[in-house]
Full PDB file with SEQRES, HELIX, SHEET, SSBOND, CRYST1, ORIGX, SCALE, CONECT and MASTER records, all heavy atoms in Angstrom:
SEQRES   1 A   39  CYS TRP ARG GLN ARG GLU ASP ASP PRO VAL ALA ALA ALA          
SEQRES   2 A   39  ALA THR ARG GLU MET LEU ALA ALA ALA GLY TYR GLN PRO          
SEQRES   3 A   39  GLU ASP VAL ASP ARG SER GLU ARG GLU TYR ALA ARG MET          
HELIX    1 AA1 ARG A    3  GLU A    6  5                                   4    
HELIX    2 AA2 PRO A    9  ALA A   22  1                                  14    
HELIX    3 AA3 PRO A   26  ARG A   38  1                                  13    
CRYST1    1.000    1.000    1.000  90.00  90.00  90.00 P 1           1          
ORIGX1      1.000000  0.000000  0.000000        0.00000                         
ORIGX2      0.000000  1.000000  0.000000        0.00000                         
ORIGX3      0.000000  0.000000  1.000000        0.00000                         
SCALE1      1.000000  0.000000  0.000000        0.00000                         
SCALE2      0.000000  1.000000  0.000000        0.00000                         
SCALE3      0.000000  0.000000  1.000000        0.00000                         
ATOM      1  N   CYS A   1      -1.487  -0.164  -8.654  1.00  0.00           N  
ATOM      2  CA  CYS A   1      -1.969   0.900  -7.812  1.00  0.00           C  
ATOM      3  C   CYS A   1      -1.031   1.297  -6.668  1.00  0.00           C  
ATOM      4  O   CYS A   1      -0.750   2.417  -6.509  1.00  0.00           O  
ATOM      5  CB  CYS A   1      -3.376   0.648  -7.350  1.00  0.00           C  
ATOM      6  SG  CYS A   1      -4.182   2.005  -6.465  1.00  0.00           S  
ATOM      7  N   TRP A   2      -0.557   0.335  -6.133  1.00  0.00           N  
ATOM      8  CA  TRP A   2       0.392   0.477  -4.930  1.00  0.00           C  
ATOM      9  C   TRP A   2       1.709   1.175  -5.419  1.00  0.00           C  
ATOM     10  O   TRP A   2       2.100   2.032  -4.826  1.00  0.00           O  
ATOM     11  CB  TRP A   2       0.703  -0.886  -4.388  1.00  0.00           C  
ATOM     12  CG  TRP A   2       1.717  -0.778  -3.213  1.00  0.00           C  
ATOM     13  CD1 TRP A   2       2.968  -1.230  -3.218  1.00  0.00           C  
ATOM     14  CD2 TRP A   2       1.503  -0.121  -1.944  1.00  0.00           C  
ATOM     15  NE1 TRP A   2       3.647  -0.913  -1.987  1.00  0.00           N  
ATOM     16  CE2 TRP A   2       2.640  -0.321  -1.158  1.00  0.00           C  
ATOM     17  CE3 TRP A   2       0.364   0.298  -1.256  1.00  0.00           C  
ATOM     18  CZ2 TRP A   2       2.832   0.099   0.062  1.00  0.00           C  
ATOM     19  CZ3 TRP A   2       0.520   0.795  -0.012  1.00  0.00           C  
ATOM     20  CH2 TRP A   2       1.735   0.619   0.680  1.00  0.00           C  
ATOM     21  N   ARG A   3       2.253   0.679  -6.561  1.00  0.00           N  
ATOM     22  CA  ARG A   3       3.418   1.304  -7.092  1.00  0.00           C  
ATOM     23  C   ARG A   3       3.289   2.684  -7.597  1.00  0.00           C  
ATOM     24  O   ARG A   3       4.294   3.400  -7.628  1.00  0.00           O  
ATOM     25  CB  ARG A   3       4.005   0.347  -8.177  1.00  0.00           C  
ATOM     26  CG  ARG A   3       4.579  -1.002  -7.689  1.00  0.00           C  
ATOM     27  CD  ARG A   3       5.249  -1.718  -8.855  1.00  0.00           C  
ATOM     28  NE  ARG A   3       4.864  -3.037  -8.886  1.00  0.00           N  
ATOM     29  CZ  ARG A   3       4.043  -3.595  -9.735  1.00  0.00           C  
ATOM     30  NH1 ARG A   3       3.603  -2.995 -10.730  1.00  0.00           N  
ATOM     31  NH2 ARG A   3       3.698  -4.808  -9.563  1.00  0.00           N  
ATOM     32  N   GLN A   4       2.012   3.017  -8.062  1.00  0.00           N  
ATOM     33  CA  GLN A   4       1.932   4.370  -8.759  1.00  0.00           C  
ATOM     34  C   GLN A   4       1.486   5.377  -7.622  1.00  0.00           C  
ATOM     35  O   GLN A   4       1.212   6.515  -7.930  1.00  0.00           O  
ATOM     36  CB  GLN A   4       0.821   4.269  -9.781  1.00  0.00           C  
ATOM     37  CG  GLN A   4       1.261   3.511 -11.010  1.00  0.00           C  
ATOM     38  CD  GLN A   4       0.224   3.364 -12.067  1.00  0.00           C  
ATOM     39  OE1 GLN A   4      -0.960   3.545 -11.753  1.00  0.00           O  
ATOM     40  NE2 GLN A   4       0.537   2.975 -13.123  1.00  0.00           N  
ATOM     41  N   ARG A   5       1.376   5.010  -6.378  1.00  0.00           N  
ATOM     42  CA  ARG A   5       0.822   5.833  -5.362  1.00  0.00           C  
ATOM     43  C   ARG A   5       1.610   7.150  -5.143  1.00  0.00           C  
ATOM     44  O   ARG A   5       1.174   8.172  -4.797  1.00  0.00           O  
ATOM     45  CB  ARG A   5       0.455   5.264  -4.045  1.00  0.00           C  
ATOM     46  CG  ARG A   5       1.731   4.820  -3.281  1.00  0.00           C  
ATOM     47  CD  ARG A   5       1.370   3.898  -2.149  1.00  0.00           C  
ATOM     48  NE  ARG A   5       2.546   3.753  -1.161  1.00  0.00           N  
ATOM     49  CZ  ARG A   5       3.623   3.017  -1.571  1.00  0.00           C  
ATOM     50  NH1 ARG A   5       3.770   2.443  -2.766  1.00  0.00           N  
ATOM     51  NH2 ARG A   5       4.612   2.897  -0.755  1.00  0.00           N  
ATOM     52  N   GLU A   6       3.037   6.940  -5.471  1.00  0.00           N  
ATOM     53  CA  GLU A   6       3.849   8.162  -5.239  1.00  0.00           C  
ATOM     54  C   GLU A   6       3.673   9.245  -6.357  1.00  0.00           C  
ATOM     55  O   GLU A   6       3.811  10.392  -6.054  1.00  0.00           O  
ATOM     56  CB  GLU A   6       5.358   7.754  -5.347  1.00  0.00           C  
ATOM     57  CG  GLU A   6       5.660   6.645  -4.153  1.00  0.00           C  
ATOM     58  CD  GLU A   6       5.723   7.299  -2.838  1.00  0.00           C  
ATOM     59  OE1 GLU A   6       6.173   8.500  -2.706  1.00  0.00           O  
ATOM     60  OE2 GLU A   6       5.549   6.562  -1.888  1.00  0.00           O  
ATOM     61  N   ASP A   7       3.343   8.852  -7.507  1.00  0.00           N  
ATOM     62  CA  ASP A   7       3.136   9.694  -8.648  1.00  0.00           C  
ATOM     63  C   ASP A   7       1.805  10.066  -9.024  1.00  0.00           C  
ATOM     64  O   ASP A   7       1.594  11.106  -9.724  1.00  0.00           O  
ATOM     65  CB  ASP A   7       3.834   8.943  -9.976  1.00  0.00           C  
ATOM     66  CG  ASP A   7       5.352   8.604  -9.651  1.00  0.00           C  
ATOM     67  OD1 ASP A   7       5.953   9.435  -8.988  1.00  0.00           O  
ATOM     68  OD2 ASP A   7       5.685   7.549 -10.241  1.00  0.00           O  
ATOM     69  N   ASP A   8       0.715   9.414  -8.482  1.00  0.00           N  
ATOM     70  CA  ASP A   8      -0.544   9.549  -8.924  1.00  0.00           C  
ATOM     71  C   ASP A   8      -1.365   9.923  -7.687  1.00  0.00           C  
ATOM     72  O   ASP A   8      -1.643   8.996  -6.890  1.00  0.00           O  
ATOM     73  CB  ASP A   8      -1.118   8.399  -9.627  1.00  0.00           C  
ATOM     74  CG  ASP A   8      -2.482   8.554 -10.125  1.00  0.00           C  
ATOM     75  OD1 ASP A   8      -3.200   9.551  -9.956  1.00  0.00           O  
ATOM     76  OD2 ASP A   8      -2.979   7.532 -10.785  1.00  0.00           O  
ATOM     77  N   PRO A   9      -1.873  11.153  -7.524  1.00  0.00           N  
ATOM     78  CA  PRO A   9      -2.725  11.438  -6.252  1.00  0.00           C  
ATOM     79  C   PRO A   9      -3.917  10.688  -6.179  1.00  0.00           C  
ATOM     80  O   PRO A   9      -4.379  10.354  -5.104  1.00  0.00           O  
ATOM     81  CB  PRO A   9      -2.895  12.942  -6.464  1.00  0.00           C  
ATOM     82  CG  PRO A   9      -2.337  13.398  -7.727  1.00  0.00           C  
ATOM     83  CD  PRO A   9      -1.653  12.350  -8.353  1.00  0.00           C  
ATOM     84  N   VAL A  10      -4.603  10.357  -7.344  1.00  0.00           N  
ATOM     85  CA  VAL A  10      -5.758   9.564  -7.331  1.00  0.00           C  
ATOM     86  C   VAL A  10      -5.519   8.100  -6.780  1.00  0.00           C  
ATOM     87  O   VAL A  10      -6.232   7.660  -5.866  1.00  0.00           O  
ATOM     88  CB  VAL A  10      -6.392   9.529  -8.783  1.00  0.00           C  
ATOM     89  CG1 VAL A  10      -7.674   8.544  -8.735  1.00  0.00           C  
ATOM     90  CG2 VAL A  10      -6.844  11.032  -9.148  1.00  0.00           C  
ATOM     91  N   ALA A  11      -4.498   7.457  -7.272  1.00  0.00           N  
ATOM     92  CA  ALA A  11      -4.007   6.202  -6.770  1.00  0.00           C  
ATOM     93  C   ALA A  11      -3.721   6.270  -5.330  1.00  0.00           C  
ATOM     94  O   ALA A  11      -4.041   5.413  -4.570  1.00  0.00           O  
ATOM     95  CB  ALA A  11      -2.995   5.666  -7.653  1.00  0.00           C  
ATOM     96  N   ALA A  12      -3.018   7.291  -4.858  1.00  0.00           N  
ATOM     97  CA  ALA A  12      -2.631   7.404  -3.446  1.00  0.00           C  
ATOM     98  C   ALA A  12      -3.804   7.541  -2.682  1.00  0.00           C  
ATOM     99  O   ALA A  12      -3.951   6.764  -1.600  1.00  0.00           O  
ATOM    100  CB  ALA A  12      -1.775   8.608  -3.363  1.00  0.00           C  
ATOM    101  N   ALA A  13      -4.855   8.351  -3.017  1.00  0.00           N  
ATOM    102  CA  ALA A  13      -6.033   8.490  -2.215  1.00  0.00           C  
ATOM    103  C   ALA A  13      -6.848   7.208  -2.141  1.00  0.00           C  
ATOM    104  O   ALA A  13      -7.303   6.723  -1.065  1.00  0.00           O  
ATOM    105  CB  ALA A  13      -6.914   9.624  -2.770  1.00  0.00           C  
ATOM    106  N   ALA A  14      -7.003   6.620  -3.378  1.00  0.00           N  
ATOM    107  CA  ALA A  14      -7.691   5.266  -3.263  1.00  0.00           C  
ATOM    108  C   ALA A  14      -6.994   4.189  -2.470  1.00  0.00           C  
ATOM    109  O   ALA A  14      -7.641   3.412  -1.873  1.00  0.00           O  
ATOM    110  CB  ALA A  14      -7.836   4.842  -4.812  1.00  0.00           C  
ATOM    111  N   THR A  15      -5.729   4.217  -2.540  1.00  0.00           N  
ATOM    112  CA  THR A  15      -4.913   3.208  -1.696  1.00  0.00           C  
ATOM    113  C   THR A  15      -5.086   3.489  -0.204  1.00  0.00           C  
ATOM    114  O   THR A  15      -5.414   2.554   0.504  1.00  0.00           O  
ATOM    115  CB  THR A  15      -3.441   3.407  -2.156  1.00  0.00           C  
ATOM    116  OG1 THR A  15      -3.253   3.006  -3.519  1.00  0.00           O  
ATOM    117  CG2 THR A  15      -2.573   2.417  -1.284  1.00  0.00           C  
ATOM    118  N   ARG A  16      -5.045   4.762   0.145  1.00  0.00           N  
ATOM    119  CA  ARG A  16      -5.313   5.099   1.630  1.00  0.00           C  
ATOM    120  C   ARG A  16      -6.646   4.681   1.950  1.00  0.00           C  
ATOM    121  O   ARG A  16      -6.778   4.162   3.063  1.00  0.00           O  
ATOM    122  CB  ARG A  16      -5.084   6.613   1.803  1.00  0.00           C  
ATOM    123  CG  ARG A  16      -3.642   7.132   1.937  1.00  0.00           C  
ATOM    124  CD  ARG A  16      -3.564   8.502   2.464  1.00  0.00           C  
ATOM    125  NE  ARG A  16      -4.324   9.416   1.575  1.00  0.00           N  
ATOM    126  CZ  ARG A  16      -3.782  10.031   0.565  1.00  0.00           C  
ATOM    127  NH1 ARG A  16      -2.610   9.778   0.066  1.00  0.00           N  
ATOM    128  NH2 ARG A  16      -4.569  10.874  -0.103  1.00  0.00           N  
ATOM    129  N   GLU A  17      -7.624   4.978   1.160  1.00  0.00           N  
ATOM    130  CA  GLU A  17      -9.058   4.632   1.571  1.00  0.00           C  
ATOM    131  C   GLU A  17      -9.143   3.026   1.618  1.00  0.00           C  
ATOM    132  O   GLU A  17      -9.821   2.609   2.659  1.00  0.00           O  
ATOM    133  CB  GLU A  17     -10.060   5.062   0.470  1.00  0.00           C  
ATOM    134  CG  GLU A  17     -10.267   6.441   0.446  1.00  0.00           C  
ATOM    135  CD  GLU A  17     -11.170   6.982  -0.619  1.00  0.00           C  
ATOM    136  OE1 GLU A  17     -12.215   6.194  -0.935  1.00  0.00           O  
ATOM    137  OE2 GLU A  17     -11.090   8.031  -1.120  1.00  0.00           O  
ATOM    138  N   MET A  18      -8.582   2.403   0.728  1.00  0.00           N  
ATOM    139  CA  MET A  18      -8.753   0.870   0.731  1.00  0.00           C  
ATOM    140  C   MET A  18      -8.109   0.301   1.933  1.00  0.00           C  
ATOM    141  O   MET A  18      -8.582  -0.642   2.617  1.00  0.00           O  
ATOM    142  CB  MET A  18      -8.139   0.320  -0.523  1.00  0.00           C  
ATOM    143  CG  MET A  18      -8.376  -1.168  -0.703  1.00  0.00           C  
ATOM    144  SD  MET A  18     -10.012  -1.684  -0.830  1.00  0.00           S  
ATOM    145  CE  MET A  18     -10.596  -0.773  -2.280  1.00  0.00           C  
ATOM    146  N   LEU A  19      -6.808   0.721   2.162  1.00  0.00           N  
ATOM    147  CA  LEU A  19      -6.021   0.204   3.423  1.00  0.00           C  
ATOM    148  C   LEU A  19      -6.877   0.550   4.696  1.00  0.00           C  
ATOM    149  O   LEU A  19      -6.942  -0.278   5.557  1.00  0.00           O  
ATOM    150  CB  LEU A  19      -4.705   0.888   3.478  1.00  0.00           C  
ATOM    151  CG  LEU A  19      -3.688   0.270   2.402  1.00  0.00           C  
ATOM    152  CD1 LEU A  19      -2.414   1.056   2.412  1.00  0.00           C  
ATOM    153  CD2 LEU A  19      -3.518  -1.229   2.506  1.00  0.00           C  
ATOM    154  N   ALA A  20      -7.358   1.771   4.767  1.00  0.00           N  
ATOM    155  CA  ALA A  20      -8.081   2.084   6.064  1.00  0.00           C  
ATOM    156  C   ALA A  20      -9.282   1.252   6.164  1.00  0.00           C  
ATOM    157  O   ALA A  20      -9.665   0.952   7.326  1.00  0.00           O  
ATOM    158  CB  ALA A  20      -8.508   3.626   5.944  1.00  0.00           C  
ATOM    159  N   ALA A  21     -10.038   1.071   5.067  1.00  0.00           N  
ATOM    160  CA  ALA A  21     -11.334   0.240   5.162  1.00  0.00           C  
ATOM    161  C   ALA A  21     -11.029  -1.189   5.568  1.00  0.00           C  
ATOM    162  O   ALA A  21     -11.645  -1.896   6.279  1.00  0.00           O  
ATOM    163  CB  ALA A  21     -11.991   0.205   3.724  1.00  0.00           C  
ATOM    164  N   ALA A  22      -9.790  -1.769   5.142  1.00  0.00           N  
ATOM    165  CA  ALA A  22      -9.327  -3.050   5.605  1.00  0.00           C  
ATOM    166  C   ALA A  22      -8.615  -3.200   6.919  1.00  0.00           C  
ATOM    167  O   ALA A  22      -8.323  -4.202   7.394  1.00  0.00           O  
ATOM    168  CB  ALA A  22      -8.405  -3.641   4.468  1.00  0.00           C  
ATOM    169  N   GLY A  23      -8.335  -1.948   7.425  1.00  0.00           N  
ATOM    170  CA  GLY A  23      -7.710  -1.992   8.813  1.00  0.00           C  
ATOM    171  C   GLY A  23      -6.154  -2.163   8.762  1.00  0.00           C  
ATOM    172  O   GLY A  23      -5.634  -2.587   9.642  1.00  0.00           O  
ATOM    173  N   TYR A  24      -5.609  -1.680   7.670  1.00  0.00           N  
ATOM    174  CA  TYR A  24      -4.155  -1.841   7.414  1.00  0.00           C  
ATOM    175  C   TYR A  24      -3.475  -0.359   7.271  1.00  0.00           C  
ATOM    176  O   TYR A  24      -4.146   0.526   6.875  1.00  0.00           O  
ATOM    177  CB  TYR A  24      -3.724  -2.714   6.249  1.00  0.00           C  
ATOM    178  CG  TYR A  24      -4.097  -4.119   6.564  1.00  0.00           C  
ATOM    179  CD1 TYR A  24      -5.139  -4.733   6.049  1.00  0.00           C  
ATOM    180  CD2 TYR A  24      -3.077  -4.962   7.218  1.00  0.00           C  
ATOM    181  CE1 TYR A  24      -5.466  -6.105   6.297  1.00  0.00           C  
ATOM    182  CE2 TYR A  24      -3.487  -6.228   7.487  1.00  0.00           C  
ATOM    183  CZ  TYR A  24      -4.573  -6.901   6.994  1.00  0.00           C  
ATOM    184  OH  TYR A  24      -4.897  -8.177   7.201  1.00  0.00           O  
ATOM    185  N   GLN A  25      -2.233  -0.420   7.535  1.00  0.00           N  
ATOM    186  CA  GLN A  25      -1.373   0.727   7.147  1.00  0.00           C  
ATOM    187  C   GLN A  25      -0.378   0.517   5.998  1.00  0.00           C  
ATOM    188  O   GLN A  25      -0.070  -0.599   5.801  1.00  0.00           O  
ATOM    189  CB  GLN A  25      -0.530   1.181   8.498  1.00  0.00           C  
ATOM    190  CG  GLN A  25      -1.405   1.395   9.682  1.00  0.00           C  
ATOM    191  CD  GLN A  25      -2.282   2.712   9.507  1.00  0.00           C  
ATOM    192  OE1 GLN A  25      -1.812   3.712   8.928  1.00  0.00           O  
ATOM    193  NE2 GLN A  25      -3.500   2.704   9.990  1.00  0.00           N  
ATOM    194  N   PRO A  26       0.086   1.540   5.396  1.00  0.00           N  
ATOM    195  CA  PRO A  26       1.040   1.224   4.326  1.00  0.00           C  
ATOM    196  C   PRO A  26       2.275   0.602   4.806  1.00  0.00           C  
ATOM    197  O   PRO A  26       2.807  -0.192   4.037  1.00  0.00           O  
ATOM    198  CB  PRO A  26       1.384   2.685   3.872  1.00  0.00           C  
ATOM    199  CG  PRO A  26       0.230   3.642   4.151  1.00  0.00           C  
ATOM    200  CD  PRO A  26      -0.301   3.005   5.586  1.00  0.00           C  
ATOM    201  N   GLU A  27       2.674   0.642   6.053  1.00  0.00           N  
ATOM    202  CA  GLU A  27       3.846  -0.013   6.591  1.00  0.00           C  
ATOM    203  C   GLU A  27       3.524  -1.510   6.529  1.00  0.00           C  
ATOM    204  O   GLU A  27       4.461  -2.297   6.359  1.00  0.00           O  
ATOM    205  CB  GLU A  27       4.039   0.427   8.002  1.00  0.00           C  
ATOM    206  CG  GLU A  27       4.625   1.890   8.061  1.00  0.00           C  
ATOM    207  CD  GLU A  27       3.342   2.896   8.075  1.00  0.00           C  
ATOM    208  OE1 GLU A  27       2.253   2.502   8.422  1.00  0.00           O  
ATOM    209  OE2 GLU A  27       3.725   4.001   7.761  1.00  0.00           O  
ATOM    210  N   ASP A  28       2.290  -1.908   6.801  1.00  0.00           N  
ATOM    211  CA  ASP A  28       1.869  -3.369   6.725  1.00  0.00           C  
ATOM    212  C   ASP A  28       2.177  -3.920   5.229  1.00  0.00           C  
ATOM    213  O   ASP A  28       2.727  -5.021   5.172  1.00  0.00           O  
ATOM    214  CB  ASP A  28       0.517  -3.578   7.079  1.00  0.00           C  
ATOM    215  CG  ASP A  28       0.121  -3.105   8.507  1.00  0.00           C  
ATOM    216  OD1 ASP A  28       0.950  -3.247   9.373  1.00  0.00           O  
ATOM    217  OD2 ASP A  28      -0.888  -2.669   8.742  1.00  0.00           O  
ATOM    218  N   VAL A  29       1.849  -3.256   4.257  1.00  0.00           N  
ATOM    219  CA  VAL A  29       2.139  -3.641   2.783  1.00  0.00           C  
ATOM    220  C   VAL A  29       3.633  -3.651   2.587  1.00  0.00           C  
ATOM    221  O   VAL A  29       4.171  -4.702   2.065  1.00  0.00           O  
ATOM    222  CB  VAL A  29       1.439  -2.647   1.934  1.00  0.00           C  
ATOM    223  CG1 VAL A  29       1.668  -3.232   0.359  1.00  0.00           C  
ATOM    224  CG2 VAL A  29      -0.143  -2.716   2.162  1.00  0.00           C  
ATOM    225  N   ASP A  30       4.354  -2.741   3.077  1.00  0.00           N  
ATOM    226  CA  ASP A  30       5.772  -2.694   2.872  1.00  0.00           C  
ATOM    227  C   ASP A  30       6.423  -3.909   3.526  1.00  0.00           C  
ATOM    228  O   ASP A  30       7.281  -4.539   3.042  1.00  0.00           O  
ATOM    229  CB  ASP A  30       6.389  -1.293   3.436  1.00  0.00           C  
ATOM    230  CG  ASP A  30       6.085  -0.072   2.596  1.00  0.00           C  
ATOM    231  OD1 ASP A  30       5.871  -0.222   1.423  1.00  0.00           O  
ATOM    232  OD2 ASP A  30       6.099   1.001   3.269  1.00  0.00           O  
ATOM    233  N   ARG A  31       5.970  -4.230   4.863  1.00  0.00           N  
ATOM    234  CA  ARG A  31       6.495  -5.312   5.503  1.00  0.00           C  
ATOM    235  C   ARG A  31       6.255  -6.623   4.752  1.00  0.00           C  
ATOM    236  O   ARG A  31       7.064  -7.560   4.651  1.00  0.00           O  
ATOM    237  CB  ARG A  31       5.891  -5.372   6.968  1.00  0.00           C  
ATOM    238  CG  ARG A  31       6.640  -6.447   7.825  1.00  0.00           C  
ATOM    239  CD  ARG A  31       6.128  -6.449   9.332  1.00  0.00           C  
ATOM    240  NE  ARG A  31       4.655  -6.700   9.418  1.00  0.00           N  
ATOM    241  CZ  ARG A  31       3.761  -5.674   9.628  1.00  0.00           C  
ATOM    242  NH1 ARG A  31       4.207  -4.461  10.081  1.00  0.00           N  
ATOM    243  NH2 ARG A  31       2.528  -5.975   9.629  1.00  0.00           N  
ATOM    244  N   SER A  32       5.016  -6.769   4.251  1.00  0.00           N  
ATOM    245  CA  SER A  32       4.592  -7.908   3.424  1.00  0.00           C  
ATOM    246  C   SER A  32       5.496  -8.168   2.262  1.00  0.00           C  
ATOM    247  O   SER A  32       5.935  -9.119   1.917  1.00  0.00           O  
ATOM    248  CB  SER A  32       3.164  -7.974   3.139  1.00  0.00           C  
ATOM    249  OG  SER A  32       2.320  -8.013   4.236  1.00  0.00           O  
ATOM    250  N   GLU A  33       5.749  -6.994   1.553  1.00  0.00           N  
ATOM    251  CA  GLU A  33       6.638  -7.139   0.335  1.00  0.00           C  
ATOM    252  C   GLU A  33       8.024  -7.463   0.771  1.00  0.00           C  
ATOM    253  O   GLU A  33       8.569  -8.300  -0.024  1.00  0.00           O  
ATOM    254  CB  GLU A  33       6.650  -5.711  -0.360  1.00  0.00           C  
ATOM    255  CG  GLU A  33       5.405  -5.383  -1.059  1.00  0.00           C  
ATOM    256  CD  GLU A  33       5.558  -4.062  -1.802  1.00  0.00           C  
ATOM    257  OE1 GLU A  33       6.216  -3.182  -1.335  1.00  0.00           O  
ATOM    258  OE2 GLU A  33       5.034  -3.876  -2.941  1.00  0.00           O  
ATOM    259  N   ARG A  34       8.585  -6.991   1.788  1.00  0.00           N  
ATOM    260  CA  ARG A  34       9.916  -7.416   2.174  1.00  0.00           C  
ATOM    261  C   ARG A  34       9.922  -8.852   2.622  1.00  0.00           C  
ATOM    262  O   ARG A  34      10.776  -9.696   2.283  1.00  0.00           O  
ATOM    263  CB  ARG A  34      10.386  -6.620   3.385  1.00  0.00           C  
ATOM    264  CG  ARG A  34      10.868  -5.132   2.984  1.00  0.00           C  
ATOM    265  CD  ARG A  34      11.511  -4.488   4.149  1.00  0.00           C  
ATOM    266  NE  ARG A  34      10.787  -4.423   5.371  1.00  0.00           N  
ATOM    267  CZ  ARG A  34       9.912  -3.536   5.713  1.00  0.00           C  
ATOM    268  NH1 ARG A  34       9.525  -2.475   4.958  1.00  0.00           N  
ATOM    269  NH2 ARG A  34       9.261  -3.526   6.922  1.00  0.00           N  
ATOM    270  N   GLU A  35       8.849  -9.307   3.400  1.00  0.00           N  
ATOM    271  CA  GLU A  35       8.810 -10.772   3.759  1.00  0.00           C  
ATOM    272  C   GLU A  35       8.739 -11.665   2.450  1.00  0.00           C  
ATOM    273  O   GLU A  35       9.315 -12.747   2.488  1.00  0.00           O  
ATOM    274  CB  GLU A  35       7.593 -10.958   4.716  1.00  0.00           C  
ATOM    275  CG  GLU A  35       7.840 -10.431   6.055  1.00  0.00           C  
ATOM    276  CD  GLU A  35       6.546 -10.543   6.858  1.00  0.00           C  
ATOM    277  OE1 GLU A  35       5.686 -11.177   6.471  1.00  0.00           O  
ATOM    278  OE2 GLU A  35       6.514  -9.925   8.045  1.00  0.00           O  
ATOM    279  N   TYR A  36       7.890 -11.258   1.537  1.00  0.00           N  
ATOM    280  CA  TYR A  36       7.740 -12.053   0.365  1.00  0.00           C  
ATOM    281  C   TYR A  36       9.161 -12.069  -0.432  1.00  0.00           C  
ATOM    282  O   TYR A  36       9.514 -13.164  -0.830  1.00  0.00           O  
ATOM    283  CB  TYR A  36       6.667 -11.439  -0.596  1.00  0.00           C  
ATOM    284  CG  TYR A  36       6.506 -12.126  -1.898  1.00  0.00           C  
ATOM    285  CD1 TYR A  36       5.941 -13.363  -2.056  1.00  0.00           C  
ATOM    286  CD2 TYR A  36       7.049 -11.612  -3.055  1.00  0.00           C  
ATOM    287  CE1 TYR A  36       5.898 -14.091  -3.221  1.00  0.00           C  
ATOM    288  CE2 TYR A  36       7.044 -12.251  -4.344  1.00  0.00           C  
ATOM    289  CZ  TYR A  36       6.431 -13.494  -4.304  1.00  0.00           C  
ATOM    290  OH  TYR A  36       6.301 -14.139  -5.516  1.00  0.00           O  
ATOM    291  N   ALA A  37       9.867 -10.993  -0.572  1.00  0.00           N  
ATOM    292  CA  ALA A  37      11.158 -11.036  -1.214  1.00  0.00           C  
ATOM    293  C   ALA A  37      12.055 -11.920  -0.503  1.00  0.00           C  
ATOM    294  O   ALA A  37      12.881 -12.605  -1.240  1.00  0.00           O  
ATOM    295  CB  ALA A  37      11.674  -9.533  -1.280  1.00  0.00           C  
ATOM    296  N   ARG A  38      12.183 -11.828   0.819  1.00  0.00           N  
ATOM    297  CA  ARG A  38      13.024 -12.785   1.484  1.00  0.00           C  
ATOM    298  C   ARG A  38      12.654 -14.306   1.296  1.00  0.00           C  
ATOM    299  O   ARG A  38      13.532 -15.110   1.042  1.00  0.00           O  
ATOM    300  CB  ARG A  38      12.964 -12.536   3.034  1.00  0.00           C  
ATOM    301  CG  ARG A  38      13.819 -11.362   3.405  1.00  0.00           C  
ATOM    302  CD  ARG A  38      14.036 -11.298   4.895  1.00  0.00           C  
ATOM    303  NE  ARG A  38      12.875 -11.282   5.664  1.00  0.00           N  
ATOM    304  CZ  ARG A  38      12.254 -10.076   6.016  1.00  0.00           C  
ATOM    305  NH1 ARG A  38      12.675  -8.895   5.700  1.00  0.00           N  
ATOM    306  NH2 ARG A  38      11.154 -10.186   6.661  1.00  0.00           N  
ATOM    307  N   MET A  39      11.365 -14.530   1.335  1.00  0.00           N  
ATOM    308  CA  MET A  39      10.807 -15.921   1.053  1.00  0.00           C  
ATOM    309  C   MET A  39      11.356 -16.297  -0.360  1.00  0.00           C  
ATOM    310  O   MET A  39      11.696 -17.520  -0.568  1.00  0.00           O  
ATOM    311  CB  MET A  39       9.438 -15.953   1.312  1.00  0.00           C  
ATOM    312  CG  MET A  39       8.818 -17.350   1.011  1.00  0.00           C  
ATOM    313  SD  MET A  39       7.033 -17.469   0.778  1.00  0.00           S  
ATOM    314  CE  MET A  39       6.898 -16.483  -0.635  1.00  0.00           C  
TER     315      MET A  39                                                      
MASTER        0    0    0    3    0    0    0    6  314    1    0    3          
END                                                                             
């Protein structure tokens, strides 16, 4: 769902709702992905 958010408006909307409900921003997920790749 995260990867398809650029191409799928439904996935993008659901992703935004989920992140907002959890208190996160897309930048938080991007940062986590970068940290995981470095680790």
